[in-house]
Amino acid sequence: MNEDEIRQHVFQILHRIAPEADLGEIDAAQNLREALDIDSFDFLNLIIALQEKLGVSIPESDYRLVQTLGGMIAYLSKTV
């Protein structure tokens, strides 16, 4: 799976979590929780949905690596 496909899956899930957000305006280096104004529960739902959709495991110790869109895409590119 390439980065564009991963980004599409991430955006689909983010749209369900934060439907009012303009996902095209998210800076790749910006913290997703701050950019989307979501809480830790929503972030956890994002992680769980990504694990289910992509068949990957994101351990809690790696959450710091997926806090930004760029970090999330890079991390998933290595694990998918």
N, C-alpha and C. Protein backbone atom coordinates (compact mmCIF):
# COMPACT_ATOMS: atom_id res chain seq x y z
N MET A 1 0.86 -1.17 0.00
CA MET A 1 0.00 0.00 0.00
C MET A 1 0.91 1.24 0.00
N ASN A 2 0.60 2.19 -0.88
CA ASN A 2 1.43 3.39 -0.95
C ASN A 2 0.90 4.49 -0.03
N GLU A 3 1.67 5.57 0.08
CA GLU A 3 1.32 6.64 1.01
C GLU A 3 -0.01 7.31 0.67
N ASP A 4 -0.32 7.45 -0.61
CA ASP A 4 -1.60 8.06 -0.99
C ASP A 4 -2.78 7.20 -0.56
N GLU A 5 -2.66 5.90 -0.70
CA GLU A 5 -3.72 4.99 -0.26
C GLU A 5 -3.88 5.04 1.26
N ILE A 6 -2.76 5.08 1.95
CA ILE A 6 -2.81 5.18 3.41
C ILE A 6 -3.47 6.49 3.81
N ARG A 7 -3.08 7.59 3.18
CA ARG A 7 -3.66 8.90 3.47
C ARG A 7 -5.18 8.87 3.26
N GLN A 8 -5.65 8.24 2.20
CA GLN A 8 -7.08 8.15 1.93
C GLN A 8 -7.80 7.42 3.07
N HIS A 9 -7.21 6.32 3.53
CA HIS A 9 -7.82 5.57 4.64
C HIS A 9 -7.83 6.41 5.91
N VAL A 10 -6.74 7.10 6.19
CA VAL A 10 -6.66 7.96 7.38
C VAL A 10 -7.72 9.05 7.29
N PHE A 11 -7.85 9.69 6.13
CA PHE A 11 -8.83 10.76 5.96
C PHE A 11 -10.26 10.24 6.10
N GLN A 12 -10.55 9.05 5.59
CA GLN A 12 -11.89 8.47 5.73
C GLN A 12 -12.24 8.31 7.21
N ILE A 13 -11.30 7.81 7.97
CA ILE A 13 -11.55 7.60 9.40
C ILE A 13 -11.63 8.93 10.13
N LEU A 14 -10.74 9.86 9.80
CA LEU A 14 -10.78 11.18 10.42
C LEU A 14 -12.09 11.89 10.13
N HIS A 15 -12.61 11.71 8.94
CA HIS A 15 -13.89 12.35 8.58
C HIS A 15 -15.03 11.84 9.45
N ARG A 16 -14.99 10.55 9.80
CA ARG A 16 -16.02 9.99 10.69
C ARG A 16 -15.89 10.55 12.10
N ILE A 17 -14.65 10.78 12.53
CA ILE A 17 -14.40 11.26 13.89
C ILE A 17 -14.64 12.77 14.01
N ALA A 18 -14.22 13.51 12.98
CA ALA A 18 -14.35 14.97 13.00
C ALA A 18 -14.93 15.43 11.66
N PRO A 19 -16.23 15.19 11.45
CA PRO A 19 -16.84 15.47 10.14
C PRO A 19 -16.81 16.94 9.74
N GLU A 20 -16.70 17.84 10.70
CA GLU A 20 -16.70 19.26 10.39
C GLU A 20 -15.30 19.77 10.00
N ALA A 21 -14.28 18.97 10.19
CA ALA A 21 -12.90 19.40 9.93
C ALA A 21 -12.61 19.46 8.43
N ASP A 22 -11.80 20.46 8.06
CA ASP A 22 -11.32 20.57 6.68
C ASP A 22 -9.99 19.82 6.62
N LEU A 23 -10.05 18.56 6.26
CA LEU A 23 -8.88 17.70 6.30
C LEU A 23 -7.78 18.14 5.34
N GLY A 24 -8.15 18.82 4.28
CA GLY A 24 -7.16 19.31 3.33
C GLY A 24 -6.29 20.42 3.89
N GLU A 25 -6.72 21.02 4.99
CA GLU A 25 -5.98 22.13 5.60
C GLU A 25 -5.03 21.68 6.70
N ILE A 26 -5.00 20.40 7.01
CA ILE A 26 -4.13 19.92 8.08
C ILE A 26 -2.69 19.91 7.61
N ASP A 27 -1.84 20.57 8.36
CA ASP A 27 -0.40 20.56 8.08
C ASP A 27 0.15 19.21 8.54
N ALA A 28 1.01 18.62 7.74
CA ALA A 28 1.55 17.30 8.04
C ALA A 28 2.30 17.24 9.36
N ALA A 29 2.81 18.38 9.83
CA ALA A 29 3.59 18.41 11.07
C ALA A 29 2.76 18.84 12.27
N GLN A 30 1.51 19.18 12.05
CA GLN A 30 0.66 19.66 13.13
C GLN A 30 0.07 18.49 13.92
N ASN A 31 0.00 18.65 15.22
CA ASN A 31 -0.59 17.65 16.09
C ASN A 31 -2.06 17.47 15.70
N LEU A 32 -2.46 16.23 15.41
CA LEU A 32 -3.82 15.97 14.94
C LEU A 32 -4.88 16.32 15.97
N ARG A 33 -4.61 16.06 17.23
CA ARG A 33 -5.60 16.39 18.26
C ARG A 33 -5.86 17.88 18.30
N GLU A 34 -4.81 18.67 18.17
CA GLU A 34 -4.97 20.12 18.17
C GLU A 34 -5.60 20.61 16.87
N ALA A 35 -5.15 20.07 15.76
CA ALA A 35 -5.64 20.51 14.44
C ALA A 35 -7.13 20.24 14.28
N LEU A 36 -7.59 19.12 14.82
CA LEU A 36 -8.99 18.71 14.65
C LEU A 36 -9.84 18.99 15.88
N ASP A 37 -9.20 19.46 16.93
CA ASP A 37 -9.89 19.73 18.19
C ASP A 37 -10.62 18.47 18.67
N ILE A 38 -9.88 17.37 18.72
CA ILE A 38 -10.44 16.11 19.21
C ILE A 38 -9.78 15.77 20.55
N ASP A 39 -10.49 14.99 21.36
CA ASP A 39 -9.94 14.61 22.65
C ASP A 39 -9.20 13.28 22.55
N SER A 40 -8.65 12.84 23.67
CA SER A 40 -7.86 11.61 23.69
C SER A 40 -8.70 10.38 23.33
N PHE A 41 -9.98 10.39 23.68
CA PHE A 41 -10.86 9.28 23.34
C PHE A 41 -11.05 9.19 21.82
N ASP A 42 -11.24 10.33 21.17
CA ASP A 42 -11.36 10.34 19.71
C ASP A 42 -10.06 9.89 19.05
N PHE A 43 -8.93 10.31 19.62
CA PHE A 43 -7.64 9.89 19.07
C PHE A 43 -7.50 8.38 19.20
N LEU A 44 -7.89 7.83 20.33
CA LEU A 44 -7.84 6.38 20.53
C LEU A 44 -8.75 5.67 19.54
N ASN A 45 -9.93 6.23 19.29
CA ASN A 45 -10.83 5.65 18.28
C ASN A 45 -10.19 5.67 16.90
N LEU A 46 -9.45 6.71 16.59
CA LEU A 46 -8.71 6.79 15.32
C LEU A 46 -7.71 5.65 15.23
N ILE A 47 -6.94 5.45 16.28
CA ILE A 47 -5.93 4.39 16.30
C ILE A 47 -6.58 3.02 16.13
N ILE A 48 -7.65 2.79 16.86
CA ILE A 48 -8.35 1.50 16.79
C ILE A 48 -8.90 1.27 15.39
N ALA A 49 -9.52 2.29 14.81
CA ALA A 49 -10.09 2.16 13.46
C ALA A 49 -9.00 1.89 12.43
N LEU A 50 -7.85 2.54 12.57
CA LEU A 50 -6.74 2.30 11.65
C LEU A 50 -6.22 0.88 11.78
N GLN A 51 -6.12 0.40 13.00
CA GLN A 51 -5.65 -0.97 13.21
C GLN A 51 -6.60 -1.97 12.55
N GLU A 52 -7.88 -1.74 12.71
CA GLU A 52 -8.87 -2.65 12.13
C GLU A 52 -8.89 -2.56 10.61
N LYS A 53 -8.87 -1.34 10.08
CA LYS A 53 -8.97 -1.13 8.64
C LYS A 53 -7.73 -1.64 7.90
N LEU A 54 -6.55 -1.37 8.48
CA LEU A 54 -5.30 -1.69 7.79
C LEU A 54 -4.66 -2.99 8.26
N GLY A 55 -5.21 -3.60 9.30
CA GLY A 55 -4.66 -4.85 9.79
C GLY A 55 -3.29 -4.70 10.41
N VAL A 56 -3.06 -3.58 11.09
CA VAL A 56 -1.77 -3.33 11.73
C VAL A 56 -1.97 -3.24 13.24
N SER A 57 -0.87 -3.28 13.94
CA SER A 57 -0.89 -3.08 15.39
C SER A 57 -0.08 -1.83 15.70
N ILE A 58 -0.69 -0.90 16.41
CA ILE A 58 0.00 0.31 16.83
C ILE A 58 0.04 0.27 18.36
N PRO A 59 1.17 -0.16 18.92
CA PRO A 59 1.25 -0.23 20.38
C PRO A 59 1.21 1.16 21.02
N GLU A 60 0.74 1.22 22.22
CA GLU A 60 0.62 2.50 22.93
C GLU A 60 1.96 3.23 23.00
N SER A 61 3.04 2.49 23.07
CA SER A 61 4.36 3.11 23.13
C SER A 61 4.71 3.86 21.84
N ASP A 62 4.00 3.59 20.75
CA ASP A 62 4.24 4.26 19.48
C ASP A 62 3.26 5.40 19.20
N TYR A 63 2.34 5.67 20.09
CA TYR A 63 1.36 6.73 19.85
C TYR A 63 2.03 8.07 19.59
N ARG A 64 3.16 8.31 20.23
CA ARG A 64 3.87 9.58 20.01
C ARG A 64 4.35 9.71 18.57
N LEU A 65 4.54 8.59 17.89
CA LEU A 65 5.02 8.60 16.51
C LEU A 65 3.90 8.90 15.51
N VAL A 66 2.66 8.78 15.95
CA VAL A 66 1.52 8.97 15.04
C VAL A 66 0.66 10.17 15.44
N GLN A 67 1.21 11.10 16.17
CA GLN A 67 0.46 12.27 16.62
C GLN A 67 0.23 13.29 15.52
N THR A 68 1.04 13.25 14.47
CA THR A 68 0.86 14.17 13.34
C THR A 68 0.46 13.37 12.12
N LEU A 69 -0.11 14.04 11.15
CA LEU A 69 -0.50 13.36 9.91
C LEU A 69 0.74 12.78 9.22
N GLY A 70 1.80 13.57 9.14
CA GLY A 70 3.03 13.09 8.50
C GLY A 70 3.61 11.89 9.23
N GLY A 71 3.62 11.95 10.56
CA GLY A 71 4.14 10.84 11.35
C GLY A 71 3.30 9.59 11.18
N MET A 72 1.99 9.79 11.13
CA MET A 72 1.09 8.66 10.97
C MET A 72 1.28 7.99 9.61
N ILE A 73 1.37 8.78 8.57
CA ILE A 73 1.57 8.22 7.21
C ILE A 73 2.90 7.48 7.15
N ALA A 74 3.96 8.08 7.68
CA ALA A 74 5.28 7.45 7.66
C ALA A 74 5.27 6.15 8.46
N TYR A 75 4.67 6.18 9.64
CA TYR A 75 4.61 4.99 10.50
C TYR A 75 3.84 3.87 9.80
N LEU A 76 2.67 4.20 9.27
CA LEU A 76 1.86 3.16 8.62
C LEU A 76 2.49 2.66 7.35
N SER A 77 3.23 3.50 6.65
CA SER A 77 3.92 3.06 5.43
C SER A 77 4.93 1.96 5.73
N LYS A 78 5.51 2.00 6.92
CA LYS A 78 6.50 1.01 7.32
C LYS A 78 5.86 -0.29 7.83
N THR A 79 4.61 -0.18 8.31
CA THR A 79 3.99 -1.34 8.94
C THR A 79 2.94 -2.05 8.10
N VAL A 80 2.45 -1.39 7.06
CA VAL A 80 1.40 -1.99 6.23
C VAL A 80 2.02 -2.86 5.16
